[in-house]
C-alpha atoms as a PDB file:
ATOM      1  CA  MET A   1       1.844   9.463 -12.190  1.00  0.00           C
ATOM      2  CA  ALA A   2      -1.180   9.895 -10.352  1.00  0.00           C
ATOM      3  CA  HIS A   3      -4.560   8.928 -12.015  1.00  0.00           C
ATOM      4  CA  THR A   4      -7.664  10.899 -11.415  1.00  0.00           C
ATOM      5  CA  GLY A   5     -11.506   9.525 -11.914  1.00  0.00           C
ATOM      6  CA  PRO A   6     -12.196  10.291 -15.614  1.00  0.00           C
ATOM      7  CA  ASP A   7      -8.272   9.069 -16.668  1.00  0.00           C
ATOM      8  CA  LEU A   8      -9.184   5.677 -14.689  1.00  0.00           C
ATOM      9  CA  ASP A   9     -12.476   5.215 -16.519  1.00  0.00           C
ATOM     10  CA  ARG A  10     -10.870   6.082 -20.211  1.00  0.00           C
ATOM     11  CA  ILE A  11      -7.830   3.551 -19.113  1.00  0.00           C
ATOM     12  CA  ILE A  12     -10.293   1.152 -18.363  1.00  0.00           C
ATOM     13  CA  ALA A  13     -12.781   2.014 -20.982  1.00  0.00           C
ATOM     14  CA  SER A  14      -9.568   1.395 -23.283  1.00  0.00           C
ATOM     15  CA  ILE A  15      -8.424  -2.002 -21.869  1.00  0.00           C
ATOM     16  CA  ARG A  16     -12.161  -3.088 -22.515  1.00  0.00           C
ATOM     17  CA  GLU A  17     -11.954  -2.332 -26.251  1.00  0.00           C
ATOM     18  CA  SER A  18      -8.692  -3.519 -26.550  1.00  0.00           C
ATOM     19  CA  ARG A  19      -9.696  -7.021 -26.206  1.00  0.00           C
ATOM     20  CA  LEU A  20      -6.464  -7.855 -24.380  1.00  0.00           C
ATOM     21  CA  THR A  21      -6.285 -10.791 -21.674  1.00  0.00           C
ATOM     22  CA  ILE A  22      -4.923 -10.313 -18.077  1.00  0.00           C
ATOM     23  CA  TYR A  23      -1.667 -12.472 -19.232  1.00  0.00           C
ATOM     24  CA  ASP A  24      -0.835  -9.662 -22.702  1.00  0.00           C
ATOM     25  CA  LEU A  25       1.956  -7.694 -21.373  1.00  0.00           C
ATOM     26  CA  LEU A  26       1.604  -3.919 -21.928  1.00  0.00           C
ATOM     27  CA  ASP A  27       5.306  -3.164 -22.621  1.00  0.00           C
ATOM     28  CA  ASP A  28       4.534  -1.324 -26.159  1.00  0.00           C
ATOM     29  CA  LYS A  29       1.467  -0.663 -24.758  1.00  0.00           C
ATOM     30  CA  GLN A  30       1.646   2.124 -22.164  1.00  0.00           C
ATOM     31  CA  PRO A  31      -1.387   3.948 -21.762  1.00  0.00           C
ATOM     32  CA  LEU A  32      -3.198   0.707 -20.470  1.00  0.00           C
ATOM     33  CA  TYR A  33      -0.891   0.221 -17.902  1.00  0.00           C
ATOM     34  CA  LEU A  34      -2.459   1.502 -14.554  1.00  0.00           C
ATOM     35  CA  ALA A  35       0.332   3.412 -12.260  1.00  0.00           C
ATOM     36  CA  ALA A  36       0.004   1.858  -8.136  1.00  0.00           C
ATOM     37  CA  ASP A  37      -2.360   4.599  -7.377  1.00  0.00           C
ATOM     38  CA  GLY A  38      -5.149   3.751 -10.174  1.00  0.00           C
ATOM     39  CA  LEU A  39      -4.356   0.208  -9.581  1.00  0.00           C
ATOM     40  CA  GLN A  40      -5.663   0.752  -5.996  1.00  0.00           C
ATOM     41  CA  ALA A  41      -8.269   3.126  -6.753  1.00  0.00           C
ATOM     42  CA  VAL A  42      -9.898   1.208  -9.077  1.00  0.00           C
ATOM     43  CA  LEU A  43      -9.791  -2.179  -6.658  1.00  0.00           C
ATOM     44  CA  GLN A  44     -11.188  -0.356  -3.871  1.00  0.00           C
ATOM     45  CA  SER A  45     -13.821   0.935  -5.636  1.00  0.00           C
ATOM     46  CA  GLY A  46     -14.834  -2.036  -7.401  1.00  0.00           C
ATOM     47  CA  LEU A  47     -13.824  -4.736  -4.300  1.00  0.00           C
ATOM     48  CA  LEU A  48     -15.365  -3.038  -1.524  1.00  0.00           C
ATOM     49  CA  GLY A  49     -18.416  -5.215   0.108  1.00  0.00           C
ATOM     50  CA  LEU A  50     -16.956  -8.050  -1.886  1.00  0.00           C
ATOM     51  CA  ASP A  51     -17.877 -11.751  -0.039  1.00  0.00           C
ATOM     52  CA  LEU A  52     -14.701 -13.858   0.114  1.00  0.00           C
ATOM     53  CA  ASN A  53     -16.320 -16.577   2.156  1.00  0.00           C
ATOM     54  CA  TYR A  54     -15.515 -19.001   0.128  1.00  0.00           C
ATOM     55  CA  PRO A  55     -13.308 -22.759   0.617  1.00  0.00           C
ATOM     56  CA  LEU A  56      -9.090 -21.067  -0.208  1.00  0.00           C
ATOM     57  CA  ARG A  57      -9.343 -22.125  -4.056  1.00  0.00           C
ATOM     58  CA  THR A  58     -13.082 -21.161  -4.556  1.00  0.00           C
ATOM     59  CA  ARG A  59     -11.983 -17.715  -2.934  1.00  0.00           C
ATOM     60  CA  SER A  60      -9.071 -17.253  -5.542  1.00  0.00           C
ATOM     61  CA  LYS A  61     -11.331 -17.861  -8.537  1.00  0.00           C
ATOM     62  CA  VAL A  62     -14.027 -15.584  -7.032  1.00  0.00           C
ATOM     63  CA  LEU A  63     -11.890 -12.839  -6.300  1.00  0.00           C
ATOM     64  CA  LYS A  64      -9.708 -13.247  -9.646  1.00  0.00           C
ATOM     65  CA  SER A  65     -12.596 -12.803 -12.008  1.00  0.00           C
ATOM     66  CA  ARG A  66     -13.875  -9.915 -10.004  1.00  0.00           C
ATOM     67  CA  VAL A  67     -10.656  -8.447 -10.565  1.00  0.00           C
ATOM     68  CA  CYS A  68     -10.739  -8.954 -14.126  1.00  0.00           C
ATOM     69  CA  GLU A  69     -14.371  -7.788 -14.405  1.00  0.00           C
ATOM     70  CA  ILE A  70     -12.956  -4.134 -12.578  1.00  0.00           C
ATOM     71  CA  LEU A  71     -10.135  -3.782 -14.864  1.00  0.00           C
ATOM     72  CA  GLY A  72     -12.057  -4.551 -17.841  1.00  0.00           C
ATOM     73  CA  TYR A  73     -10.762  -7.771 -19.375  1.00  0.00           C
ATOM     74  CA  PRO A  74     -12.623 -11.009 -19.984  1.00  0.00           C
ATOM     75  CA  VAL A  75     -12.617 -13.562 -17.573  1.00  0.00           C
ATOM     76  CA  PRO A  76     -10.920 -16.877 -18.727  1.00  0.00           C
ATOM     77  CA  LYS A  77     -12.538 -20.002 -19.142  1.00  0.00           C
ATOM     78  CA  THR A  78      -9.288 -21.267 -16.660  1.00  0.00           C
ATOM     79  CA  PHE A  79      -6.761 -19.162 -14.912  1.00  0.00           C
ATOM     80  CA  ARG A  80      -3.285 -20.136 -15.914  1.00  0.00           C
ATOM     81  CA  ARG A  81      -0.521 -20.423 -12.924  1.00  0.00           C
ATOM     82  CA  THR A  82       1.391 -17.463 -13.757  1.00  0.00           C
ATOM     83  CA  ARG A  83       3.657 -15.599 -11.763  1.00  0.00           C
ATOM     84  CA  PRO A  84       2.430 -12.749 -10.805  1.00  0.00           C
ATOM     85  CA  ARG A  85      -1.189 -13.912 -11.190  1.00  0.00           C
ATOM     86  CA  PHE A  86      -1.866 -10.959 -13.269  1.00  0.00           C
ATOM     87  CA  PRO A  87       1.039 -10.335 -16.085  1.00  0.00           C
ATOM     88  CA  GLY A  88      -0.581  -7.949 -17.995  1.00  0.00           C
ATOM     89  CA  GLN A  89      -0.972  -5.387 -15.029  1.00  0.00           C
ATOM     90  CA  ASN A  90       2.049  -7.352 -13.231  1.00  0.00           C
ATOM     91  CA  PHE A  91       0.527  -8.292 -10.074  1.00  0.00           C
ATOM     92  CA  ASP A  92      -0.181 -10.188  -7.474  1.00  0.00           C
ATOM     93  CA  THR A  93      -3.354 -10.771  -4.812  1.00  0.00           C
ATOM     94  CA  TYR A  94      -3.181 -11.618  -1.603  1.00  0.00           C
ATOM     95  CA  VAL A  95      -6.215 -11.500   0.975  1.00  0.00           C
ATOM     96  CA  GLN A  96      -5.433 -11.002   4.679  1.00  0.00           C
ATOM     97  CA  LYS A  97      -7.653 -11.244   7.798  1.00  0.00           C
ATOM     98  CA  ALA A  98      -4.992 -10.639   9.999  1.00  0.00           C
ATOM     99  CA  ASN A  99      -1.639  -8.534   9.563  1.00  0.00           C
ATOM    100  CA  ASN A 100       0.693 -11.309   8.938  1.00  0.00           C
ATOM    101  CA  LEU A 101       1.424 -11.455   5.387  1.00  0.00           C
ATOM    102  CA  GLN A 102       2.670 -14.766   4.250  1.00  0.00           C
ATOM    103  CA  ILE A 103       4.057 -15.349   0.842  1.00  0.00           C
ATOM    104  CA  TRP A 104       4.948 -19.039  -0.288  1.00  0.00           C
ATOM    105  CA  ASN A 105       7.767 -20.610  -2.147  1.00  0.00           C
ATOM    106  CA  GLU A 106       9.054 -17.666  -4.184  1.00  0.00           C
ATOM    107  CA  ASP A 107      11.281 -14.717  -3.141  1.00  0.00           C
ATOM    108  CA  VAL A 108       9.280 -10.667  -2.387  1.00  0.00           C
ATOM    109  CA  SER A 109       9.955  -9.203  -6.425  1.00  0.00           C
ATOM    110  CA  PRO A 110      10.889  -5.709  -6.480  1.00  0.00           C
ATOM    111  CA  SER A 111       9.515  -5.114 -10.605  1.00  0.00           C
ATOM    112  CA  ARG A 112       6.157  -6.951  -8.724  1.00  0.00           C
ATOM    113  CA  ARG A 113       2.865  -4.976  -7.508  1.00  0.00           C
ATOM    114  CA  TYR A 114       0.923  -6.544  -4.468  1.00  0.00           C
ATOM    115  CA  ALA A 115      -2.621  -5.842  -3.925  1.00  0.00           C
ATOM    116  CA  ILE A 116      -3.619  -7.061  -0.560  1.00  0.00           C
ATOM    117  CA  ILE A 117      -7.047  -7.264   0.433  1.00  0.00           C
ATOM    118  CA  ARG A 118      -8.073  -6.646   4.003  1.00  0.00           C
ATOM    119  CA  VAL A 119     -11.424  -8.675   4.823  1.00  0.00           C
ATOM    120  CA  ASP A 120     -13.219  -8.739   8.272  1.00  0.00           C
ATOM    121  CA  ASP A 121     -14.084 -11.143  10.710  1.00  0.00           C
ATOM    122  CA  GLN A 122     -17.439 -11.776   7.355  1.00  0.00           C
ATOM    123  CA  HIS A 123     -15.373 -12.163   5.186  1.00  0.00           C
ATOM    124  CA  LYS A 124     -16.336  -9.374   2.946  1.00  0.00           C
ATOM    125  CA  ALA A 125     -13.599  -6.872   1.719  1.00  0.00           C
ATOM    126  CA  THR A 126     -13.152  -3.733   3.292  1.00  0.00           C
ATOM    127  CA  ALA A 127      -9.910  -1.904   1.865  1.00  0.00           C
ATOM    128  CA  VAL A 128      -7.015  -2.434  -0.590  1.00  0.00           C
ATOM    129  CA  ARG A 129      -3.159  -1.737  -0.863  1.00  0.00           C
ATOM    130  CA  VAL A 130      -1.497  -1.806  -3.624  1.00  0.00           C
ATOM    131  CA  ILE A 131       2.533  -1.616  -2.497  1.00  0.00           C
ATOM    132  CA  SER A 132       5.645  -2.863  -4.719  1.00  0.00           C
ATOM    133  CA  GLY A 133       7.718  -5.402  -3.819  1.00  0.00           C
ATOM    134  CA  GLU A 134      10.833  -3.331  -2.450  1.00  0.00           C
ATOM    135  CA  ALA A 135       8.248  -1.323  -0.396  1.00  0.00           C
ATOM    136  CA  LEU A 136       6.523  -4.203   0.967  1.00  0.00           C
ATOM    137  CA  ALA A 137      10.245  -5.993   1.862  1.00  0.00           C
ATOM    138  CA  LEU A 138      10.721  -2.570   3.929  1.00  0.00           C
ATOM    139  CA  LEU A 139       8.098  -3.753   6.367  1.00  0.00           C
ATOM    140  CA  ASP A 140       9.940  -6.796   7.158  1.00  0.00           C
ATOM    141  CA  THR A 141      11.268  -6.600  10.765  1.00  0.00           C
ATOM    142  CA  THR A 142      11.646 -10.262  11.607  1.00  0.00           C
ATOM    143  CA  GLY A 143      14.392 -10.861  10.056  1.00  0.00           C
ATOM    144  CA  THR A 144      12.753 -13.043   7.467  1.00  0.00           C
ATOM    145  CA  LEU A 145      14.003 -11.125   4.625  1.00  0.00           C
ATOM    146  CA  THR A 146      17.712 -10.430   4.566  1.00  0.00           C
ATOM    147  CA  GLN A 147      19.276  -7.776   2.878  1.00  0.00           C
ATOM    148  CA  LYS A 148      19.999  -9.452  -0.649  1.00  0.00           C
ATOM    149  CA  TYR A 149      22.046  -7.177  -2.126  1.00  0.00           C
ATOM    150  CA  GLN A 150      24.947  -4.976  -0.953  1.00  0.00           C
ATOM    151  CA  ALA A 151      27.738  -2.774  -2.618  1.00  0.00           C
ATOM    152  CA  LYS A 152      30.630  -0.167  -1.794  1.00  0.00           C
ATOM    153  CA  SER A 153      32.926   1.849  -4.232  1.00  0.00           C
ATOM    154  CA  ILE A 154      35.900  -0.307  -5.729  1.00  0.00           C
ATOM    155  CA  SER A 155      38.285   2.945  -4.096  1.00  0.00           C
ATOM    156  CA  PRO A 156      37.400   5.364  -1.321  1.00  0.00           C
ATOM    157  CA  VAL A 157      35.074   7.681  -2.190  1.00  0.00           C
ATOM    158  CA  THR A 158      36.726  11.434  -1.468  1.00  0.00           C
ATOM    159  CA  ASP A 159      35.346  13.646  -4.902  1.00  0.00           C
ATOM    160  CA  SER A 160      31.737  13.924  -6.369  1.00  0.00           C
ATOM    161  CA  THR A 161      32.175  11.733  -9.333  1.00  0.00           C
ATOM    162  CA  LEU A 162      29.771  11.655 -12.534  1.00  0.00           C
ATOM    163  CA  VAL A 163      30.221   8.332 -13.355  1.00  0.00           C
ATOM    164  CA  SER A 164      27.844   7.931 -16.155  1.00  0.00           C
ATOM    165  CA  ARG A 165      27.993  10.742 -19.118  1.00  0.00           C
ATOM    166  CA  GLN A 166      24.996   9.145 -20.614  1.00  0.00           C
ATOM    167  CA  ASP A 167      21.481   8.021 -19.726  1.00  0.00           C
ATOM    168  CA  THR A 168      20.463   4.298 -21.085  1.00  0.00           C
ATOM    169  CA  PRO A 169      19.094   4.761 -24.464  1.00  0.00           C
ATOM    170  CA  PHE A 170      15.391   3.975 -22.850  1.00  0.00           C
ATOM    171  CA  VAL A 171      16.087   6.964 -20.397  1.00  0.00           C
ATOM    172  CA  ALA A 172      17.498   9.422 -23.386  1.00  0.00           C
ATOM    173  CA  ALA A 173      14.556   8.803 -25.416  1.00  0.00           C
ATOM    174  CA  LYS A 174      12.066   9.729 -23.035  1.00  0.00           C
ATOM    175  CA  SER A 175      14.052  12.912 -21.532  1.00  0.00           C
ATOM    176  CA  ALA A 176      13.036  15.245 -23.855  1.00  0.00           C
ATOM    177  CA  SER A 177       9.511  14.845 -23.921  1.00  0.00           C
ATOM    178  CA  GLY A 178       8.845  12.864 -20.754  1.00  0.00           C
ATOM    179  CA  GLY A 179      10.199  15.418 -18.145  1.00  0.00           C
ATOM    180  CA  LEU A 180      13.026  13.616 -17.332  1.00  0.00           C
ATOM    181  CA  LEU A 181      16.096  15.640 -16.600  1.00  0.00           C
ATOM    182  CA  GLN A 182      19.421  13.943 -18.504  1.00  0.00           C
ATOM    183  CA  ILE A 183      22.020  12.694 -15.889  1.00  0.00           C
ATOM    184  CA  GLY A 184      24.161  15.242 -16.466  1.00  0.00           C
ATOM    185  CA  GLN A 185      21.661  18.025 -15.244  1.00  0.00           C
ATOM    186  CA  LEU A 186      20.495  15.413 -12.585  1.00  0.00           C
ATOM    187  CA  TYR A 187      24.170  15.493 -11.379  1.00  0.00           C
ATOM    188  CA  GLN A 188      24.234  19.594 -11.676  1.00  0.00           C
ATOM    189  CA  ALA A 189      20.861  20.253 -10.110  1.00  0.00           C
ATOM    190  CA  LEU A 190      22.365  17.526  -6.906  1.00  0.00           C
ATOM    191  CA  ILE A 191      25.904  18.736  -6.669  1.00  0.00           C
ATOM    192  CA  ALA A 192      24.268  21.893  -4.796  1.00  0.00           C
ATOM    193  CA  LEU A 193      23.753  19.706  -2.077  1.00  0.00           C
ATOM    194  CA  VAL A 194      27.106  18.485  -1.182  1.00  0.00           C
ATOM    195  CA  GLY A 195      28.284  20.654   1.593  1.00  0.00           C
ATOM    196  CA  LYS A 196      25.154  21.029   3.273  1.00  0.00           C
ATOM    197  CA  SER A 197      23.876  19.737   6.488  1.00  0.00           C
ATOM    198  CA  PHE A 198      21.085  18.547   8.337  1.00  0.00           C
ATOM    199  CA  ASP A 199      19.552  17.658  11.882  1.00  0.00           C
ATOM    200  CA  ASP A 200      20.678  13.982  12.259  1.00  0.00           C
ATOM    201  CA  PRO A 201      17.874  12.204  13.828  1.00  0.00           C
ATOM    202  CA  GLY A 202      20.120   9.525  15.540  1.00  0.00           C
ATOM    203  CA  ALA A 203      22.704   6.461  15.337  1.00  0.00           C
ATOM    204  CA  ASP A 204      20.070   4.194  14.764  1.00  0.00           C
ATOM    205  CA  GLN A 205      17.180   6.284  12.694  1.00  0.00           C
ATOM    206  CA  GLU A 206      18.891   5.181   9.246  1.00  0.00           C
ATOM    207  CA  ARG A 207      15.462   4.923   7.293  1.00  0.00           C
ATOM    208  CA  ASN A 208      14.604   8.412   8.935  1.00  0.00           C
ATOM    209  CA  ARG A 209      17.760  10.077   7.916  1.00  0.00           C
ATOM    210  CA  GLY A 210      17.473   9.030   4.097  1.00  0.00           C
ATOM    211  CA  GLY A 211      14.036  10.636   4.422  1.00  0.00           C
ATOM    212  CA  LEU A 212      15.708  13.651   5.201  1.00  0.00           C
ATOM    213  CA  ILE A 213      18.132  13.631   2.176  1.00  0.00           C
ATOM    214  CA  HIS A 214      15.809  12.827   0.104  1.00  0.00           C
ATOM    215  CA  LYS A 215      13.722  15.433   1.121  1.00  0.00           C
ATOM    216  CA  MET A 216      16.591  17.681   0.371  1.00  0.00           C
ATOM    217  CA  VAL A 217      16.848  16.485  -3.124  1.00  0.00           C
ATOM    218  CA  SER A 218      13.367  16.725  -4.228  1.00  0.00           C
ATOM    219  CA  SER A 219      13.675  20.235  -3.216  1.00  0.00           C
ATOM    220  CA  VAL A 220      16.190  20.891  -6.222  1.00  0.00           C
ATOM    221  CA  LEU A 221      14.128  18.969  -8.516  1.00  0.00           C
ATOM    222  CA  PRO A 222      11.877  20.296 -11.206  1.00  0.00           C
ATOM    223  CA  GLY A 223       8.518  20.304  -9.430  1.00  0.00           C
ATOM    224  CA  GLY A 224       9.886  20.408  -5.805  1.00  0.00           C
ATOM    225  CA  GLU A 225       7.143  17.795  -4.511  1.00  0.00           C
ATOM    226  CA  HIS A 226       8.015  15.514  -1.917  1.00  0.00           C
ATOM    227  CA  HIS A 227       6.458  11.862  -1.799  1.00  0.00           C
ATOM    228  CA  ASP A 228       8.584   9.860   0.676  1.00  0.00           C
ATOM    229  CA  THR A 229       6.214   6.040  -0.135  1.00  0.00           C
ATOM    230  CA  GLY A 230       8.789   3.536   0.165  1.00  0.00           C
ATOM    231  CA  GLN A 231       8.466   2.914  -3.895  1.00  0.00           C
ATOM    232  CA  PHE A 232      11.312   2.427  -5.996  1.00  0.00           C
ATOM    233  CA  PRO A 233      13.057   4.488  -7.401  1.00  0.00           C
ATOM    234  CA  ASP A 234      12.964   7.218  -4.549  1.00  0.00           C
ATOM    235  CA  VAL A 235      11.908   9.985  -7.181  1.00  0.00           C
ATOM    236  CA  PRO A 236      10.140   8.261  -9.781  1.00  0.00           C
ATOM    237  CA  SER A 237       9.617  11.625 -11.590  1.00  0.00           C
ATOM    238  CA  GLN A 238      13.202  11.619 -12.214  1.00  0.00           C
ATOM    239  CA  LEU A 239      13.640   7.679 -12.087  1.00  0.00           C
ATOM    240  CA  LEU A 240      16.127   8.538  -9.402  1.00  0.00           C
ATOM    241  CA  GLU A 241      16.980   6.131  -6.077  1.00  0.00           C
ATOM    242  CA  VAL A 242      18.732   7.879  -3.305  1.00  0.00           C
ATOM    243  CA  LYS A 243      21.490   6.929  -1.158  1.00  0.00           C
ATOM    244  CA  PHE A 244      22.984   8.482   1.853  1.00  0.00           C
ATOM    245  CA  GLN A 245      26.091   6.820   3.084  1.00  0.00           C
ATOM    246  CA  THR A 246      27.928   7.316   6.444  1.00  0.00           C
ATOM    247  CA  SER A 247      29.789   3.931   6.261  1.00  0.00           C
ATOM    248  CA  PRO A 248      31.005   2.262   3.099  1.00  0.00           C
ATOM    249  CA  THR A 249      28.174  -0.712   2.747  1.00  0.00           C
ATOM    250  CA  ILE A 250      25.459   0.278   0.261  1.00  0.00           C
ATOM    251  CA  ASP A 251      22.355  -1.766   1.666  1.00  0.00           C
ATOM    252  CA  LEU A 252      20.433  -2.368  -2.515  1.00  0.00           C
ATOM    253  CA  GLY A 253      17.286  -4.381  -0.977  1.00  0.00           C
ATOM    254  CA  LEU A 254      15.956  -6.576  -3.270  1.00  0.00           C
ATOM    255  CA  VAL A 255      17.265  -4.208  -6.275  1.00  0.00           C
ATOM    256  CA  ASN A 256      20.306  -5.490  -8.399  1.00  0.00           C
ATOM    257  CA  PRO A 257      21.047  -2.060 -10.561  1.00  0.00           C
ATOM    258  CA  ASP A 258      22.241  -3.661 -13.194  1.00  0.00           C
ATOM    259  CA  SER A 259      19.022  -6.039 -13.892  1.00  0.00           C
ATOM    260  CA  THR A 260      16.873  -5.733 -17.007  1.00  0.00           C
ATOM    261  CA  GLU A 261      13.736  -6.437 -14.837  1.00  0.00           C
ATOM    262  CA  ARG A 262      11.008  -3.486 -15.207  1.00  0.00           C
ATOM    263  CA  VAL A 263      10.307  -1.328 -12.932  1.00  0.00           C
ATOM    264  CA  ALA A 264       7.166  -2.190 -11.196  1.00  0.00           C
ATOM    265  CA  ASP A 265       5.380   1.153 -11.566  1.00  0.00           C
ATOM    266  CA  ARG A 266       7.325   2.705 -14.771  1.00  0.00           C
ATOM    267  CA  PRO A 267       7.847  -0.882 -17.011  1.00  0.00           C
ATOM    268  CA  GLU A 268       8.558   1.421 -19.966  1.00  0.00           C
ATOM    269  CA  PHE A 269      11.881   1.267 -17.682  1.00  0.00           C
ATOM    270  CA  ARG A 270      14.373  -1.412 -16.219  1.00  0.00           C
ATOM    271  CA  HIS A 271      15.891  -0.964 -13.183  1.00  0.00           C
ATOM    272  CA  CYS A 272      19.168  -0.647 -14.748  1.00  0.00           C
ATOM    273  CA  ASP A 273      17.585   2.657 -16.830  1.00  0.00           C
ATOM    274  CA  VAL A 274      17.343   4.353 -12.769  1.00  0.00           C
ATOM    275  CA  ARG A 275      19.875   7.091 -12.008  1.00  0.00           C
ATOM    276  CA  TYR A 276      21.350   6.505  -8.712  1.00  0.00           C
ATOM    277  CA  ALA A 277      22.674   9.518  -6.507  1.00  0.00           C
ATOM    278  CA  VAL A 278      24.958   7.805  -3.991  1.00  0.00           C
ATOM    279  CA  PHE A 279      26.132  11.192  -1.126  1.00  0.00           C
ATOM    280  CA  TYR A 280      28.579  10.127   1.317  1.00  0.00           C
ATOM    281  CA  GLY A 281      28.646  11.743   4.499  1.00  0.00           C
ATOM    282  CA  GLY A 282      29.485  12.203   7.679  1.00  0.00           C
ATOM    283  CA  ILE A 283      27.758  12.764  10.874  1.00  0.00           C
ATOM    284  CA  THR A 284      29.576  15.637  14.179  1.00  0.00           C
ATOM    285  CA  ALA A 285      27.595  16.917  17.107  1.00  0.00           C
ATOM    286  CA  GLY A 286      24.192  15.843  15.783  1.00  0.00           C
ATOM    287  CA  LYS A 287      24.795  17.152  12.270  1.00  0.00           C
ATOM    288  CA  ALA A 288      24.815  15.456   9.079  1.00  0.00           C
ATOM    289  CA  ARG A 289      26.580  17.140   6.397  1.00  0.00           C
ATOM    290  CA  VAL A 290      26.957  15.987   2.684  1.00  0.00           C
ATOM    291  CA  GLY A 291      30.099  15.257   1.716  1.00  0.00           C
ATOM    292  CA  SER A 292      30.299  14.188  -1.889  1.00  0.00           C
ATOM    293  CA  LEU A 293      28.212  12.918  -4.440  1.00  0.00           C
ATOM    294  CA  VAL A 294      28.498   9.969  -7.273  1.00  0.00           C
ATOM    295  CA  VAL A 295      25.527   9.802  -9.781  1.00  0.00           C
ATOM    296  CA  CYS A 296      25.252   6.868 -12.109  1.00  0.00           C
ATOM    297  CA  THR A 297      22.847   4.913 -14.218  1.00  0.00           C
ATOM    298  CA  GLY A 298      22.150   1.007 -12.816  1.00  0.00           C
ATOM    299  CA  GLN A 299      23.656   0.024 -15.987  1.00  0.00           C
ATOM    300  CA  ASP A 300      27.069   1.688 -15.287  1.00  0.00           C
ATOM    301  CA  PHE A 301      26.938   0.946 -10.999  1.00  0.00           C
ATOM    302  CA  PHE A 302      29.223  -1.982 -11.076  1.00  0.00           C
ATOM    303  CA  LYS A 303      31.995   0.114 -12.831  1.00  0.00           C
ATOM    304  CA  PHE A 304      32.331   2.562  -9.612  1.00  0.00           C
ATOM    305  CA  PHE A 305      31.096  -0.075  -7.306  1.00  0.00           C
ATOM    306  CA  ARG A 306      31.766  -3.432  -6.227  1.00  0.00           C
ATOM    307  CA  ARG A 307      28.634  -5.964  -5.810  1.00  0.00           C
ATOM    308  CA  PHE A 308      28.087  -8.824  -2.926  1.00  0.00           C
ATOM    309  CA  GLU A 309      25.303 -10.534  -1.619  1.00  0.00           C
ATOM    310  CA  GLY A 310      23.689 -11.175   1.632  1.00  0.00           C
ATOM    311  CA  LYS A 311      21.378 -14.457   1.770  1.00  0.00           C
ATOM    312  CA  VAL A 312      18.928 -15.682  -0.962  1.00  0.00           C
ATOM    313  CA  VAL A 313      15.231 -16.153   0.835  1.00  0.00           C
ATOM    314  CA  ASN A 314      13.786 -19.494  -0.112  1.00  0.00           C
ATOM    315  CA  LYS A 315      11.160 -20.234   1.902  1.00  0.00           C
ATOM    316  CA  LYS A 316       7.801 -18.798   3.539  1.00  0.00           C
ATOM    317  CA  ILE A 317       8.118 -15.075   4.029  1.00  0.00           C
ATOM    318  CA  GLN A 318       6.051 -14.029   6.636  1.00  0.00           C
ATOM    319  CA  ILE A 319       5.750 -10.341   7.143  1.00  0.00           C
ATOM    320  CA  HIS A 320       3.639  -8.444   9.836  1.00  0.00           C
ATOM    321  CA  LEU A 321       1.954  -5.213   8.439  1.00  0.00           C
ATOM    322  CA  PRO A 322       1.604  -2.318  10.254  1.00  0.00           C
ATOM    323  CA  LYS A 323      -1.652  -1.655  11.692  1.00  0.00           C
ATOM    324  CA  SER A 324      -1.680   1.734   9.909  1.00  0.00           C
ATOM    325  CA  PHE A 325      -0.936  -0.049   6.570  1.00  0.00           C
ATOM    326  CA  PHE A 326      -4.526   0.415   5.295  1.00  0.00           C
ATOM    327  CA  ASP A 327      -4.759   3.737   6.210  1.00  0.00           C
END
């Protein structure tokens, strides 16, 4: 999904020629939709040095106007109070002088992108980071955000199972031409990991353990490339979300698997189109061993698993951004 400089220039030129506005959705105009890395590159190039030393309301208008110009959209006479503020490219903007990101009166959305702009003591833009809501939620260490969705298998998992014999129609239409494996092929590739072991990073290192299984998954898929960015889904090139379970409860974060919301960085697909690989395993003598595998689509997820929900956040959300966030 990576965009290069010439690719970005062509996309921006096409947006400008299309005469679309920031409020026009691009579900049927995918070539005009910028992936997160491309959106970040364009905003970074166009916003660096921008003076944002204004009262909040004026600052918001100055920033949004400049973003429209950068992306090739006309600047509207008045900006609508939409959520997100830039529906066409599906993102919101936040200006940050400190590392304490505050989101008011709404939840973090897993299907949205967040463009976070760092400003210095003179209120000039110095860096831009574009991140999905799902990846942003992973940064919360304060307990402000709870795991919103959780699930467990309806019956104990003892054998490997391909729950979904077919992909959703959205994915089936793309699998032949778009480089996506069919779900049956995906299952056959991933089943090779059952019985494999790896060094366990420690009892309290679930995220690192997940990163290791993610790396193993990447090694058996076409291309073999591993990029663990925290975005949803884990392996975007195969529309695949990966879980490694040493306990029955599966943390799903902000994403409800059978939701028809669009995937933030691949809006041609919905959350229910994503394929899930849930590995079950155990830990013995410092080694984590993969014991079984369940593969299904998000659409079929709750045919095999039982849903339960955690607390729903409905207040100001504060997320402390790590020092390395803009690196």
